[in-house]
Amino acid sequence: MERRFIPLVLMLIGGGITCIFTLLQNYSLTENLISILVVMLVLFLLGSLLVYFLDYFERTNQKREEAQRMAEEEEKRLLEEQEKETVALKEQE
């Protein structure tokens, strides 16, 4: 599931559960609608915050992996240069 759907799914599930609960508890129509609205708004905000943090952690991990990959490539390049120098020195002897 794509991350952009997380707030919507949370909001709809929470709204559905709240609707059922308020109907079973015989809330008035106004109380029912207000409680559903509040629950849906809160869950939408929490879901959006969750998506933001997941995206932030993913970006951080990608930057870390890129830096690690660059360091490995640099290390590999340095080792190859050392090997070439070693071979050149052996050929001179």
N, C-alpha and C. Protein backbone atom coordinates (compact mmCIF):
# COMPACT_ATOMS: atom_id res chain seq x y z
N MET A 1 0.85 -1.17 0.00
CA MET A 1 0.00 0.00 0.00
C MET A 1 0.89 1.24 0.00
N GLU A 2 0.53 2.20 -0.78
CA GLU A 2 1.31 3.43 -0.84
C GLU A 2 1.10 4.23 0.45
N ARG A 3 2.13 4.94 0.81
CA ARG A 3 2.07 5.69 2.07
C ARG A 3 1.02 6.79 2.05
N ARG A 4 0.74 7.32 0.89
CA ARG A 4 -0.21 8.44 0.85
C ARG A 4 -1.61 8.01 1.26
N PHE A 5 -1.89 6.71 1.26
CA PHE A 5 -3.22 6.22 1.65
C PHE A 5 -3.33 5.95 3.15
N ILE A 6 -2.23 5.99 3.88
CA ILE A 6 -2.26 5.68 5.31
C ILE A 6 -3.20 6.61 6.08
N PRO A 7 -3.10 7.94 5.91
CA PRO A 7 -4.04 8.79 6.66
C PRO A 7 -5.50 8.54 6.31
N LEU A 8 -5.76 8.29 5.04
CA LEU A 8 -7.14 8.06 4.62
C LEU A 8 -7.70 6.78 5.21
N VAL A 9 -6.90 5.73 5.19
CA VAL A 9 -7.36 4.45 5.74
C VAL A 9 -7.59 4.57 7.24
N LEU A 10 -6.64 5.19 7.96
CA LEU A 10 -6.82 5.39 9.40
C LEU A 10 -8.08 6.19 9.69
N MET A 11 -8.28 7.25 8.93
CA MET A 11 -9.43 8.11 9.14
C MET A 11 -10.73 7.36 8.90
N LEU A 12 -10.80 6.60 7.83
CA LEU A 12 -12.04 5.89 7.51
C LEU A 12 -12.33 4.77 8.51
N ILE A 13 -11.32 4.04 8.90
CA ILE A 13 -11.53 2.97 9.88
C ILE A 13 -11.97 3.55 11.21
N GLY A 14 -11.28 4.61 11.65
CA GLY A 14 -11.66 5.26 12.91
C GLY A 14 -13.05 5.84 12.86
N GLY A 15 -13.40 6.45 11.74
CA GLY A 15 -14.75 7.00 11.59
C GLY A 15 -15.82 5.92 11.62
N GLY A 16 -15.53 4.80 10.98
CA GLY A 16 -16.48 3.70 10.98
C GLY A 16 -16.69 3.12 12.37
N ILE A 17 -15.60 2.93 13.09
CA ILE A 17 -15.69 2.39 14.45
C ILE A 17 -16.43 3.38 15.35
N THR A 18 -16.13 4.66 15.21
CA THR A 18 -16.81 5.68 16.01
C THR A 18 -18.30 5.72 15.68
N CYS A 19 -18.64 5.60 14.42
CA CYS A 19 -20.04 5.62 14.01
C CYS A 19 -20.80 4.46 14.64
N ILE A 20 -20.22 3.28 14.57
CA ILE A 20 -20.88 2.10 15.16
C ILE A 20 -21.03 2.27 16.67
N PHE A 21 -19.95 2.72 17.32
CA PHE A 21 -19.99 2.90 18.77
C PHE A 21 -21.05 3.92 19.18
N THR A 22 -21.09 5.05 18.48
CA THR A 22 -22.05 6.10 18.86
C THR A 22 -23.49 5.66 18.58
N LEU A 23 -23.70 4.87 17.56
CA LEU A 23 -25.05 4.37 17.30
C LEU A 23 -25.48 3.36 18.36
N LEU A 24 -24.54 2.51 18.78
CA LEU A 24 -24.86 1.53 19.82
C LEU A 24 -25.11 2.19 21.17
N GLN A 25 -24.48 3.33 21.42
CA GLN A 25 -24.64 4.04 22.69
C GLN A 25 -25.80 5.04 22.65
N ASN A 26 -26.54 5.06 21.55
CA ASN A 26 -27.71 5.94 21.38
C ASN A 26 -27.38 7.42 21.55
N TYR A 27 -26.28 7.86 20.93
CA TYR A 27 -25.95 9.29 20.91
C TYR A 27 -26.95 9.99 20.01
N SER A 28 -27.17 11.26 20.25
CA SER A 28 -28.03 12.03 19.34
C SER A 28 -27.29 12.22 18.01
N LEU A 29 -28.02 12.60 17.01
CA LEU A 29 -27.42 12.76 15.68
C LEU A 29 -26.31 13.81 15.70
N THR A 30 -26.51 14.90 16.39
CA THR A 30 -25.50 15.96 16.46
C THR A 30 -24.24 15.46 17.16
N GLU A 31 -24.41 14.79 18.30
CA GLU A 31 -23.25 14.25 19.01
C GLU A 31 -22.53 13.21 18.17
N ASN A 32 -23.30 12.40 17.46
CA ASN A 32 -22.74 11.37 16.59
C ASN A 32 -21.86 12.00 15.52
N LEU A 33 -22.39 13.01 14.83
CA LEU A 33 -21.65 13.64 13.74
C LEU A 33 -20.42 14.40 14.25
N ILE A 34 -20.56 15.08 15.39
CA ILE A 34 -19.42 15.82 15.94
C ILE A 34 -18.31 14.85 16.36
N SER A 35 -18.67 13.76 17.02
CA SER A 35 -17.64 12.81 17.46
C SER A 35 -16.96 12.15 16.26
N ILE A 36 -17.71 11.83 15.23
CA ILE A 36 -17.12 11.24 14.03
C ILE A 36 -16.17 12.23 13.36
N LEU A 37 -16.59 13.48 13.26
CA LEU A 37 -15.75 14.51 12.65
C LEU A 37 -14.45 14.69 13.42
N VAL A 38 -14.55 14.79 14.74
CA VAL A 38 -13.35 14.99 15.56
C VAL A 38 -12.41 13.80 15.42
N VAL A 39 -12.95 12.58 15.51
CA VAL A 39 -12.11 11.38 15.40
C VAL A 39 -11.44 11.32 14.03
N MET A 40 -12.18 11.62 12.98
CA MET A 40 -11.61 11.56 11.64
C MET A 40 -10.52 12.60 11.44
N LEU A 41 -10.72 13.81 11.97
CA LEU A 41 -9.70 14.85 11.84
C LEU A 41 -8.43 14.48 12.61
N VAL A 42 -8.61 14.00 13.83
CA VAL A 42 -7.44 13.62 14.65
C VAL A 42 -6.67 12.48 13.98
N LEU A 43 -7.37 11.47 13.50
CA LEU A 43 -6.68 10.34 12.87
C LEU A 43 -6.04 10.73 11.55
N PHE A 44 -6.65 11.65 10.82
CA PHE A 44 -6.03 12.13 9.59
C PHE A 44 -4.73 12.85 9.90
N LEU A 45 -4.74 13.71 10.92
CA LEU A 45 -3.51 14.42 11.31
C LEU A 45 -2.44 13.45 11.79
N LEU A 46 -2.82 12.47 12.60
CA LEU A 46 -1.84 11.48 13.07
C LEU A 46 -1.29 10.65 11.91
N GLY A 47 -2.14 10.28 10.98
CA GLY A 47 -1.69 9.53 9.81
C GLY A 47 -0.75 10.34 8.94
N SER A 48 -1.06 11.63 8.78
CA SER A 48 -0.18 12.51 8.00
C SER A 48 1.17 12.67 8.68
N LEU A 49 1.16 12.77 9.99
CA LEU A 49 2.40 12.87 10.75
C LEU A 49 3.22 11.58 10.61
N LEU A 50 2.55 10.45 10.65
CA LEU A 50 3.21 9.16 10.47
C LEU A 50 3.87 9.08 9.09
N VAL A 51 3.15 9.48 8.06
CA VAL A 51 3.70 9.46 6.69
C VAL A 51 4.90 10.39 6.59
N TYR A 52 4.81 11.56 7.22
CA TYR A 52 5.93 12.50 7.19
C TYR A 52 7.18 11.87 7.81
N PHE A 53 7.02 11.24 8.98
CA PHE A 53 8.17 10.63 9.64
C PHE A 53 8.72 9.44 8.84
N LEU A 54 7.85 8.65 8.25
CA LEU A 54 8.31 7.52 7.42
C LEU A 54 9.11 8.03 6.22
N ASP A 55 8.63 9.07 5.58
CA ASP A 55 9.35 9.66 4.45
C ASP A 55 10.69 10.25 4.90
N TYR A 56 10.69 10.90 6.06
CA TYR A 56 11.93 11.49 6.58
C TYR A 56 12.97 10.40 6.85
N PHE A 57 12.55 9.32 7.50
CA PHE A 57 13.48 8.23 7.79
C PHE A 57 13.98 7.57 6.51
N GLU A 58 13.11 7.45 5.51
CA GLU A 58 13.55 6.86 4.25
C GLU A 58 14.58 7.75 3.55
N ARG A 59 14.34 9.06 3.55
CA ARG A 59 15.32 9.97 2.95
C ARG A 59 16.65 9.91 3.68
N THR A 60 16.60 9.85 5.01
CA THR A 60 17.82 9.77 5.81
C THR A 60 18.59 8.49 5.50
N ASN A 61 17.87 7.38 5.41
CA ASN A 61 18.52 6.10 5.09
C ASN A 61 19.11 6.11 3.68
N GLN A 62 18.42 6.72 2.73
CA GLN A 62 18.96 6.79 1.37
C GLN A 62 20.24 7.61 1.34
N LYS A 63 20.27 8.72 2.07
CA LYS A 63 21.49 9.54 2.11
C LYS A 63 22.64 8.75 2.75
N ARG A 64 22.33 8.01 3.81
CA ARG A 64 23.36 7.22 4.49
C ARG A 64 23.89 6.12 3.57
N GLU A 65 22.98 5.45 2.87
CA GLU A 65 23.40 4.39 1.95
C GLU A 65 24.23 4.96 0.81
N GLU A 66 23.86 6.12 0.31
CA GLU A 66 24.62 6.75 -0.77
C GLU A 66 26.02 7.12 -0.30
N ALA A 67 26.12 7.68 0.91
CA ALA A 67 27.43 8.03 1.45
C ALA A 67 28.29 6.79 1.67
N GLN A 68 27.67 5.72 2.13
CA GLN A 68 28.40 4.47 2.33
C GLN A 68 28.87 3.89 1.00
N ARG A 69 28.01 3.95 0.00
CA ARG A 69 28.38 3.44 -1.32
C ARG A 69 29.53 4.25 -1.91
N MET A 70 29.47 5.57 -1.75
CA MET A 70 30.55 6.42 -2.25
C MET A 70 31.87 6.12 -1.53
N ALA A 71 31.80 5.89 -0.23
CA ALA A 71 33.01 5.57 0.53
C ALA A 71 33.59 4.24 0.08
N GLU A 72 32.74 3.26 -0.18
CA GLU A 72 33.21 1.96 -0.65
C GLU A 72 33.85 2.08 -2.03
N GLU A 73 33.25 2.88 -2.90
CA GLU A 73 33.82 3.07 -4.24
C GLU A 73 35.18 3.76 -4.14
N GLU A 74 35.28 4.75 -3.27
CA GLU A 74 36.55 5.45 -3.09
C GLU A 74 37.62 4.52 -2.54
N GLU A 75 37.23 3.69 -1.58
CA GLU A 75 38.17 2.73 -1.01
C GLU A 75 38.63 1.73 -2.08
N LYS A 76 37.70 1.28 -2.90
CA LYS A 76 38.03 0.34 -3.97
C LYS A 76 38.99 0.99 -4.97
N ARG A 77 38.74 2.26 -5.30
CA ARG A 77 39.61 2.97 -6.23
C ARG A 77 41.01 3.13 -5.66
N LEU A 78 41.10 3.44 -4.37
CA LEU A 78 42.41 3.58 -3.74
C LEU A 78 43.17 2.26 -3.71
N LEU A 79 42.47 1.17 -3.45
CA LEU A 79 43.12 -0.14 -3.45
C LEU A 79 43.63 -0.50 -4.84
N GLU A 80 42.86 -0.18 -5.87
CA GLU A 80 43.30 -0.45 -7.23
C GLU A 80 44.55 0.37 -7.58
N GLU A 81 44.57 1.63 -7.13
CA GLU A 81 45.74 2.45 -7.38
C GLU A 81 46.97 1.90 -6.66
N GLN A 82 46.79 1.42 -5.44
CA GLN A 82 47.90 0.84 -4.69
C GLN A 82 48.42 -0.42 -5.39
N GLU A 83 47.51 -1.22 -5.90
CA GLU A 83 47.91 -2.43 -6.61
C GLU A 83 48.70 -2.07 -7.87
N LYS A 84 48.25 -1.05 -8.60
CA LYS A 84 48.97 -0.63 -9.80
C LYS A 84 50.36 -0.13 -9.45
N GLU A 85 50.48 0.63 -8.36
CA GLU A 85 51.77 1.13 -7.93
C GLU A 85 52.69 -0.02 -7.52
N THR A 86 52.11 -1.01 -6.84
CA THR A 86 52.90 -2.16 -6.41
C THR A 86 53.41 -2.93 -7.62
N VAL A 87 52.55 -3.13 -8.61
CA VAL A 87 52.94 -3.84 -9.82
C VAL A 87 54.01 -3.04 -10.56
N ALA A 88 53.87 -1.74 -10.64
CA ALA A 88 54.85 -0.89 -11.33
C ALA A 88 56.20 -0.95 -10.63
N LEU A 89 56.21 -0.96 -9.32
CA LEU A 89 57.46 -1.03 -8.55
C LEU A 89 58.15 -2.39 -8.75
N LYS A 90 57.35 -3.45 -8.81
CA LYS A 90 57.92 -4.79 -9.02
C LYS A 90 58.52 -4.90 -10.42
N GLU A 91 57.87 -4.26 -11.39
CA GLU A 91 58.39 -4.32 -12.76
C GLU A 91 59.69 -3.54 -12.89
N GLN A 92 59.84 -2.50 -12.11
CA GLN A 92 61.06 -1.68 -12.17
C GLN A 92 62.26 -2.44 -11.57
N GLU A 93 61.98 -3.34 -10.64
CA GLU A 93 63.08 -4.06 -9.98
C GLU A 93 63.58 -5.12 -10.87
